Every structure is written in structure tokens, then in C-alpha cells.
Amino acid sequence: MGLLGKPDDENREAFEPFAVDGEEEVFCWFARDALENLRAVTPTAEGDLLFYVEGLGRYRFRFLPEEKGD
């Protein structure tokens, strides 16, 4: 679903980068096909997406609204 680090140039079009809140130079790269599945997931009452990741446990995150420039 996600990728630690950057995708290589030949696979970059298969991923979409998202900025990490509070970090200027950190991005989370999601596979575009995984994003389609994420849109079908019902968030928690707090608005988070919650998953179980083998070897890690529960993984919670949310997509924040994009800031629109002037």
C-alpha cells in the first residue's frame, strides 16, 4: 500500500505522494491502486483510517484537506 522512501523513476507514475503534516520534507507515497481501495474504507468517528499491519500492529492515519494557495 505505502512505500518507505521514494519510488524509483520507472515506477513513480504508479504512486502518489502525500505530504506528512508538520514535516516539510517528508512524504508518504501511496500506490495509486491502493488509493482506490482506501476511498471505499469507512473512517473511524475521529476521521482516521485504521488498519492492522502484520508485524507492526494497528496503523492509524488520515488524509488532511489540501491547502489551497491564493
PDB file of N, CA and C in Angstrom:
ATOM      1  N   MET A   1       0.835  -1.180   0.000  1.00  0.00           N
ATOM      2  CA  MET A   1       0.000   0.000   0.000  1.00  0.00           C
ATOM      3  C   MET A   1       0.873   1.234   0.000  1.00  0.00           C
ATOM      4  N   GLY A   2       1.745   1.367   0.982  1.00  0.00           N
ATOM      5  CA  GLY A   2       2.598   2.541   1.069  1.00  0.00           C
ATOM      6  C   GLY A   2       4.040   2.168   0.796  1.00  0.00           C
ATOM      7  N   LEU A   3       4.876   3.170   0.745  1.00  0.00           N
ATOM      8  CA  LEU A   3       6.271   2.945   0.401  1.00  0.00           C
ATOM      9  C   LEU A   3       7.145   3.792   1.291  1.00  0.00           C
ATOM     10  N   LEU A   4       8.155   3.183   1.899  1.00  0.00           N
ATOM     11  CA  LEU A   4       9.154   3.938   2.642  1.00  0.00           C
ATOM     12  C   LEU A   4      10.225   4.355   1.647  1.00  0.00           C
ATOM     13  N   GLY A   5      10.553   5.622   1.642  1.00  0.00           N
ATOM     14  CA  GLY A   5      11.479   6.132   0.646  1.00  0.00           C
ATOM     15  C   GLY A   5      10.729   6.537  -0.604  1.00  0.00           C
ATOM     16  N   LYS A   6      11.469   6.866  -1.648  1.00  0.00           N
ATOM     17  CA  LYS A   6      10.853   7.292  -2.911  1.00  0.00           C
ATOM     18  C   LYS A   6      10.826   6.124  -3.889  1.00  0.00           C
ATOM     19  N   PRO A   7       9.788   6.069  -4.724  1.00  0.00           N
ATOM     20  CA  PRO A   7       9.797   5.041  -5.771  1.00  0.00           C
ATOM     21  C   PRO A   7      10.873   5.384  -6.801  1.00  0.00           C
ATOM     22  N   ASP A   8      11.409   4.366  -7.452  1.00  0.00           N
ATOM     23  CA  ASP A   8      12.384   4.669  -8.490  1.00  0.00           C
ATOM     24  C   ASP A   8      11.672   5.305  -9.683  1.00  0.00           C
ATOM     25  N   ASP A   9      12.419   5.936 -10.538  1.00  0.00           N
ATOM     26  CA  ASP A   9      11.849   6.705 -11.649  1.00  0.00           C
ATOM     27  C   ASP A   9      10.944   5.871 -12.550  1.00  0.00           C
ATOM     28  N   GLU A  10      11.285   4.622 -12.774  1.00  0.00           N
ATOM     29  CA  GLU A  10      10.484   3.787 -13.673  1.00  0.00           C
ATOM     30  C   GLU A  10       9.129   3.408 -13.090  1.00  0.00           C
ATOM     31  N   ASN A  11       8.975   3.472 -11.759  1.00  0.00           N
ATOM     32  CA  ASN A  11       7.701   3.126 -11.120  1.00  0.00           C
ATOM     33  C   ASN A  11       6.985   4.324 -10.514  1.00  0.00           C
ATOM     34  N   ARG A  12       7.543   5.500 -10.647  1.00  0.00           N
ATOM     35  CA  ARG A  12       6.999   6.671  -9.965  1.00  0.00           C
ATOM     36  C   ARG A  12       5.550   6.968 -10.358  1.00  0.00           C
ATOM     37  N   GLU A  13       5.164   6.723 -11.579  1.00  0.00           N
ATOM     38  CA  GLU A  13       3.786   7.024 -12.003  1.00  0.00           C
ATOM     39  C   GLU A  13       2.755   6.127 -11.331  1.00  0.00           C
ATOM     40  N   ALA A  14       3.188   5.041 -10.711  1.00  0.00           N
ATOM     41  CA  ALA A  14       2.275   4.126 -10.019  1.00  0.00           C
ATOM     42  C   ALA A  14       1.990   4.578  -8.585  1.00  0.00           C
ATOM     43  N   PHE A  15       2.647   5.647  -8.134  1.00  0.00           N
ATOM     44  CA  PHE A  15       2.500   6.135  -6.770  1.00  0.00           C
ATOM     45  C   PHE A  15       2.096   7.597  -6.748  1.00  0.00           C
ATOM     46  N   GLU A  16       1.439   7.994  -5.658  1.00  0.00           N
ATOM     47  CA  GLU A  16       1.065   9.388  -5.464  1.00  0.00           C
ATOM     48  C   GLU A  16       1.634   9.855  -4.122  1.00  0.00           C
ATOM     49  N   PRO A  17       2.385  10.965  -4.124  1.00  0.00           N
ATOM     50  CA  PRO A  17       2.969  11.439  -2.868  1.00  0.00           C
ATOM     51  C   PRO A  17       1.989  12.282  -2.058  1.00  0.00           C
ATOM     52  N   PHE A  18       2.039  12.135  -0.745  1.00  0.00           N
ATOM     53  CA  PHE A  18       1.253  12.954   0.176  1.00  0.00           C
ATOM     54  C   PHE A  18       2.200  13.528   1.210  1.00  0.00           C
ATOM     55  N   ALA A  19       2.095  14.825   1.456  1.00  0.00           N
ATOM     56  CA  ALA A  19       2.921  15.475   2.475  1.00  0.00           C
ATOM     57  C   ALA A  19       2.496  14.974   3.846  1.00  0.00           C
ATOM     58  N   VAL A  20       3.466  14.870   4.745  1.00  0.00           N
ATOM     59  CA  VAL A  20       3.199  14.479   6.125  1.00  0.00           C
ATOM     60  C   VAL A  20       3.045  15.759   6.940  1.00  0.00           C
ATOM     61  N   ASP A  21       1.932  15.889   7.641  1.00  0.00           N
ATOM     62  CA  ASP A  21       1.625  17.096   8.407  1.00  0.00           C
ATOM     63  C   ASP A  21       2.733  17.396   9.405  1.00  0.00           C
ATOM     64  N   GLY A  22       3.214  18.633   9.383  1.00  0.00           N
ATOM     65  CA  GLY A  22       4.248  19.054  10.310  1.00  0.00           C
ATOM     66  C   GLY A  22       5.666  18.748   9.857  1.00  0.00           C
ATOM     67  N   GLU A  23       5.817  18.133   8.715  1.00  0.00           N
ATOM     68  CA  GLU A  23       7.147  17.791   8.187  1.00  0.00           C
ATOM     69  C   GLU A  23       7.291  18.402   6.798  1.00  0.00           C
ATOM     70  N   GLU A  24       8.323  19.195   6.611  1.00  0.00           N
ATOM     71  CA  GLU A  24       8.493  19.888   5.337  1.00  0.00           C
ATOM     72  C   GLU A  24       9.007  18.997   4.218  1.00  0.00           C
ATOM     73  N   GLU A  25       9.838  18.038   4.556  1.00  0.00           N
ATOM     74  CA  GLU A  25      10.494  17.243   3.520  1.00  0.00           C
ATOM     75  C   GLU A  25      10.155  15.757   3.582  1.00  0.00           C
ATOM     76  N   VAL A  26       9.075  15.416   4.280  1.00  0.00           N
ATOM     77  CA  VAL A  26       8.696  14.005   4.415  1.00  0.00           C
ATOM     78  C   VAL A  26       7.396  13.773   3.660  1.00  0.00           C
ATOM     79  N   PHE A  27       7.399  12.740   2.832  1.00  0.00           N
ATOM     80  CA  PHE A  27       6.227  12.380   2.049  1.00  0.00           C
ATOM     81  C   PHE A  27       5.935  10.901   2.213  1.00  0.00           C
ATOM     82  N   CYS A  28       4.676  10.562   2.130  1.00  0.00           N
ATOM     83  CA  CYS A  28       4.248   9.173   2.119  1.00  0.00           C
ATOM     84  C   CYS A  28       3.762   8.878   0.704  1.00  0.00           C
ATOM     85  N   TRP A  29       4.325   7.866   0.103  1.00  0.00           N
ATOM     86  CA  TRP A  29       3.971   7.504  -1.274  1.00  0.00           C
ATOM     87  C   TRP A  29       2.984   6.345  -1.239  1.00  0.00           C
ATOM     88  N   PHE A  30       1.774   6.563  -1.733  1.00  0.00           N
ATOM     89  CA  PHE A  30       0.751   5.521  -1.797  1.00  0.00           C
ATOM     90  C   PHE A  30       0.619   5.009  -3.221  1.00  0.00           C
ATOM     91  N   ALA A  31       0.503   3.696  -3.345  1.00  0.00           N
ATOM     92  CA  ALA A  31       0.234   3.112  -4.658  1.00  0.00           C
ATOM     93  C   ALA A  31      -1.137   3.595  -5.125  1.00  0.00           C
ATOM     94  N   ARG A  32      -1.219   4.031  -6.367  1.00  0.00           N
ATOM     95  CA  ARG A  32      -2.477   4.577  -6.894  1.00  0.00           C
ATOM     96  C   ARG A  32      -3.612   3.558  -6.818  1.00  0.00           C
ATOM     97  N   ASP A  33      -3.332   2.289  -7.079  1.00  0.00           N
ATOM     98  CA  ASP A  33      -4.401   1.288  -6.996  1.00  0.00           C
ATOM     99  C   ASP A  33      -4.863   1.092  -5.555  1.00  0.00           C
ATOM    100  N   ALA A  34      -3.968   1.261  -4.577  1.00  0.00           N
ATOM    101  CA  ALA A  34      -4.362   1.167  -3.170  1.00  0.00           C
ATOM    102  C   ALA A  34      -5.242   2.342  -2.772  1.00  0.00           C
ATOM    103  N   LEU A  35      -5.015   3.516  -3.368  1.00  0.00           N
ATOM    104  CA  LEU A  35      -5.842   4.683  -3.057  1.00  0.00           C
ATOM    105  C   LEU A  35      -7.295   4.442  -3.424  1.00  0.00           C
ATOM    106  N   GLU A  36      -7.529   3.710  -4.503  1.00  0.00           N
ATOM    107  CA  GLU A  36      -8.910   3.377  -4.884  1.00  0.00           C
ATOM    108  C   GLU A  36      -9.583   2.581  -3.772  1.00  0.00           C
ATOM    109  N   ASN A  37      -8.863   1.626  -3.186  1.00  0.00           N
ATOM    110  CA  ASN A  37      -9.415   0.830  -2.087  1.00  0.00           C
ATOM    111  C   ASN A  37      -9.614   1.674  -0.838  1.00  0.00           C
ATOM    112  N   LEU A  38      -8.704   2.600  -0.561  1.00  0.00           N
ATOM    113  CA  LEU A  38      -8.827   3.450   0.625  1.00  0.00           C
ATOM    114  C   LEU A  38     -10.069   4.322   0.568  1.00  0.00           C
ATOM    115  N   ARG A  39     -10.457   4.740  -0.622  1.00  0.00           N
ATOM    116  CA  ARG A  39     -11.653   5.583  -0.763  1.00  0.00           C
ATOM    117  C   ARG A  39     -12.928   4.838  -0.381  1.00  0.00           C
ATOM    118  N   ALA A  40     -12.877   3.503  -0.389  1.00  0.00           N
ATOM    119  CA  ALA A  40     -14.040   2.693  -0.043  1.00  0.00           C
ATOM    120  C   ALA A  40     -14.104   2.356   1.447  1.00  0.00           C
ATOM    121  N   VAL A  41     -13.061   2.697   2.212  1.00  0.00           N
ATOM    122  CA  VAL A  41     -12.989   2.370   3.634  1.00  0.00           C
ATOM    123  C   VAL A  41     -13.703   3.450   4.441  1.00  0.00           C
ATOM    124  N   THR A  42     -14.514   3.028   5.395  1.00  0.00           N
ATOM    125  CA  THR A  42     -15.198   3.969   6.276  1.00  0.00           C
ATOM    126  C   THR A  42     -14.248   4.386   7.394  1.00  0.00           C
ATOM    127  N   PRO A  43     -14.014   5.699   7.552  1.00  0.00           N
ATOM    128  CA  PRO A  43     -13.109   6.146   8.619  1.00  0.00           C
ATOM    129  C   PRO A  43     -13.733   5.975   9.996  1.00  0.00           C
ATOM    130  N   THR A  44     -12.895   6.042  11.030  1.00  0.00           N
ATOM    131  CA  THR A  44     -13.370   5.998  12.407  1.00  0.00           C
ATOM    132  C   THR A  44     -14.150   7.281  12.702  1.00  0.00           C
ATOM    133  N   ALA A  45     -14.760   7.351  13.875  1.00  0.00           N
ATOM    134  CA  ALA A  45     -15.519   8.545  14.261  1.00  0.00           C
ATOM    135  C   ALA A  45     -14.636   9.790  14.283  1.00  0.00           C
ATOM    136  N   GLU A  46     -13.338   9.598  14.543  1.00  0.00           N
ATOM    137  CA  GLU A  46     -12.400  10.726  14.561  1.00  0.00           C
ATOM    138  C   GLU A  46     -11.954  11.130  13.167  1.00  0.00           C
ATOM    139  N   GLY A  47     -12.312  10.342  12.157  1.00  0.00           N
ATOM    140  CA  GLY A  47     -11.921  10.640  10.782  1.00  0.00           C
ATOM    141  C   GLY A  47     -10.653   9.937  10.333  1.00  0.00           C
ATOM    142  N   ASP A  48     -10.149   9.009  11.148  1.00  0.00           N
ATOM    143  CA  ASP A  48      -8.923   8.292  10.818  1.00  0.00           C
ATOM    144  C   ASP A  48      -9.238   7.012  10.051  1.00  0.00           C
ATOM    145  N   LEU A  49      -8.257   6.549   9.308  1.00  0.00           N
ATOM    146  CA  LEU A  49      -8.314   5.223   8.703  1.00  0.00           C
ATOM    147  C   LEU A  49      -7.484   4.315   9.598  1.00  0.00           C
ATOM    148  N   LEU A  50      -8.006   3.163   9.921  1.00  0.00           N
ATOM    149  CA  LEU A  50      -7.360   2.259  10.860  1.00  0.00           C
ATOM    150  C   LEU A  50      -7.196   0.893  10.202  1.00  0.00           C
ATOM    151  N   PHE A  51      -5.961   0.404  10.200  1.00  0.00           N
ATOM    152  CA  PHE A  51      -5.645  -0.873   9.579  1.00  0.00           C
ATOM    153  C   PHE A  51      -4.813  -1.698  10.533  1.00  0.00           C
ATOM    154  N   TYR A  52      -4.805  -2.986  10.321  1.00  0.00           N
ATOM    155  CA  TYR A  52      -3.886  -3.863  11.019  1.00  0.00           C
ATOM    156  C   TYR A  52      -2.795  -4.233  10.027  1.00  0.00           C
ATOM    157  N   VAL A  53      -1.553  -4.010  10.406  1.00  0.00           N
ATOM    158  CA  VAL A  53      -0.417  -4.312   9.551  1.00  0.00           C
ATOM    159  C   VAL A  53       0.397  -5.406  10.220  1.00  0.00           C
ATOM    160  N   GLU A  54       0.570  -6.514   9.533  1.00  0.00           N
ATOM    161  CA  GLU A  54       1.316  -7.627  10.097  1.00  0.00           C
ATOM    162  C   GLU A  54       2.731  -7.183  10.447  1.00  0.00           C
ATOM    163  N   GLY A  55       3.168  -7.529  11.640  1.00  0.00           N
ATOM    164  CA  GLY A  55       4.498  -7.167  12.092  1.00  0.00           C
ATOM    165  C   GLY A  55       4.582  -5.778  12.697  1.00  0.00           C
ATOM    166  N   LEU A  56       3.539  -4.979  12.537  1.00  0.00           N
ATOM    167  CA  LEU A  56       3.530  -3.622  13.075  1.00  0.00           C
ATOM    168  C   LEU A  56       2.407  -3.435  14.079  1.00  0.00           C
ATOM    169  N   GLY A  57       1.258  -3.998  13.784  1.00  0.00           N
ATOM    170  CA  GLY A  57       0.079  -3.811  14.633  1.00  0.00           C
ATOM    171  C   GLY A  57      -0.887  -2.853  13.969  1.00  0.00           C
ATOM    172  N   ARG A  58      -1.564  -2.067  14.793  1.00  0.00           N
ATOM    173  CA  ARG A  58      -2.532  -1.120  14.247  1.00  0.00           C
ATOM    174  C   ARG A  58      -1.815   0.086  13.643  1.00  0.00           C
ATOM    175  N   TYR A  59      -2.314   0.522  12.526  1.00  0.00           N
ATOM    176  CA  TYR A  59      -1.763   1.670  11.811  1.00  0.00           C
ATOM    177  C   TYR A  59      -2.906   2.642  11.583  1.00  0.00           C
ATOM    178  N   ARG A  60      -2.767   3.849  12.102  1.00  0.00           N
ATOM    179  CA  ARG A  60      -3.834   4.842  12.022  1.00  0.00           C
ATOM    180  C   ARG A  60      -3.301   6.084  11.329  1.00  0.00           C
ATOM    181  N   PHE A  61      -4.063   6.598  10.373  1.00  0.00           N
ATOM    182  CA  PHE A  61      -3.689   7.837   9.704  1.00  0.00           C
ATOM    183  C   PHE A  61      -4.931   8.480   9.127  1.00  0.00           C
ATOM    184  N   ARG A  62      -4.778   9.697   8.658  1.00  0.00           N
ATOM    185  CA  ARG A  62      -5.883  10.376   7.983  1.00  0.00           C
ATOM    186  C   ARG A  62      -5.333  11.251   6.882  1.00  0.00           C
ATOM    187  N   PHE A  63      -6.153  11.463   5.872  1.00  0.00           N
ATOM    188  CA  PHE A  63      -5.826  12.403   4.812  1.00  0.00           C
ATOM    189  C   PHE A  63      -6.386  13.758   5.218  1.00  0.00           C
ATOM    190  N   LEU A  64      -5.540  14.778   5.263  1.00  0.00           N
ATOM    191  CA  LEU A  64      -5.980  16.115   5.599  1.00  0.00           C
ATOM    192  C   LEU A  64      -6.377  16.848   4.328  1.00  0.00           C
ATOM    193  N   PRO A  65      -7.304  17.807   4.449  1.00  0.00           N
ATOM    194  CA  PRO A  65      -7.672  18.585   3.267  1.00  0.00           C
ATOM    195  C   PRO A  65      -6.452  19.339   2.745  1.00  0.00           C
ATOM    196  N   GLU A  66      -6.367  19.445   1.446  1.00  0.00           N
ATOM    197  CA  GLU A  66      -5.259  20.194   0.858  1.00  0.00           C
ATOM    198  C   GLU A  66      -5.444  21.684   1.086  1.00  0.00           C
ATOM    199  N   GLU A  67      -4.344  22.356   1.357  1.00  0.00           N
ATOM    200  CA  GLU A  67      -4.405  23.800   1.496  1.00  0.00           C
ATOM    201  C   GLU A  67      -4.393  24.416   0.105  1.00  0.00           C
ATOM    202  N   LYS A  68      -5.290  25.328  -0.124  1.00  0.00           N
ATOM    203  CA  LYS A  68      -5.378  25.995  -1.426  1.00  0.00           C
ATOM    204  C   LYS A  68      -4.613  27.308  -1.370  1.00  0.00           C
ATOM    205  N   GLY A  69      -3.720  27.508  -2.326  1.00  0.00           N
ATOM    206  CA  GLY A  69      -2.956  28.748  -2.387  1.00  0.00           C
ATOM    207  C   GLY A  69      -3.807  29.879  -2.924  1.00  0.00           C
ATOM    208  N   ASP A  70      -3.350  31.105  -2.689  1.00  0.00           N
ATOM    209  CA  ASP A  70      -4.097  32.273  -3.186  1.00  0.00           C
ATOM    210  C   ASP A  70      -3.827  32.497  -4.644  1.00  0.00           C
TER     211      ASP A  70
END
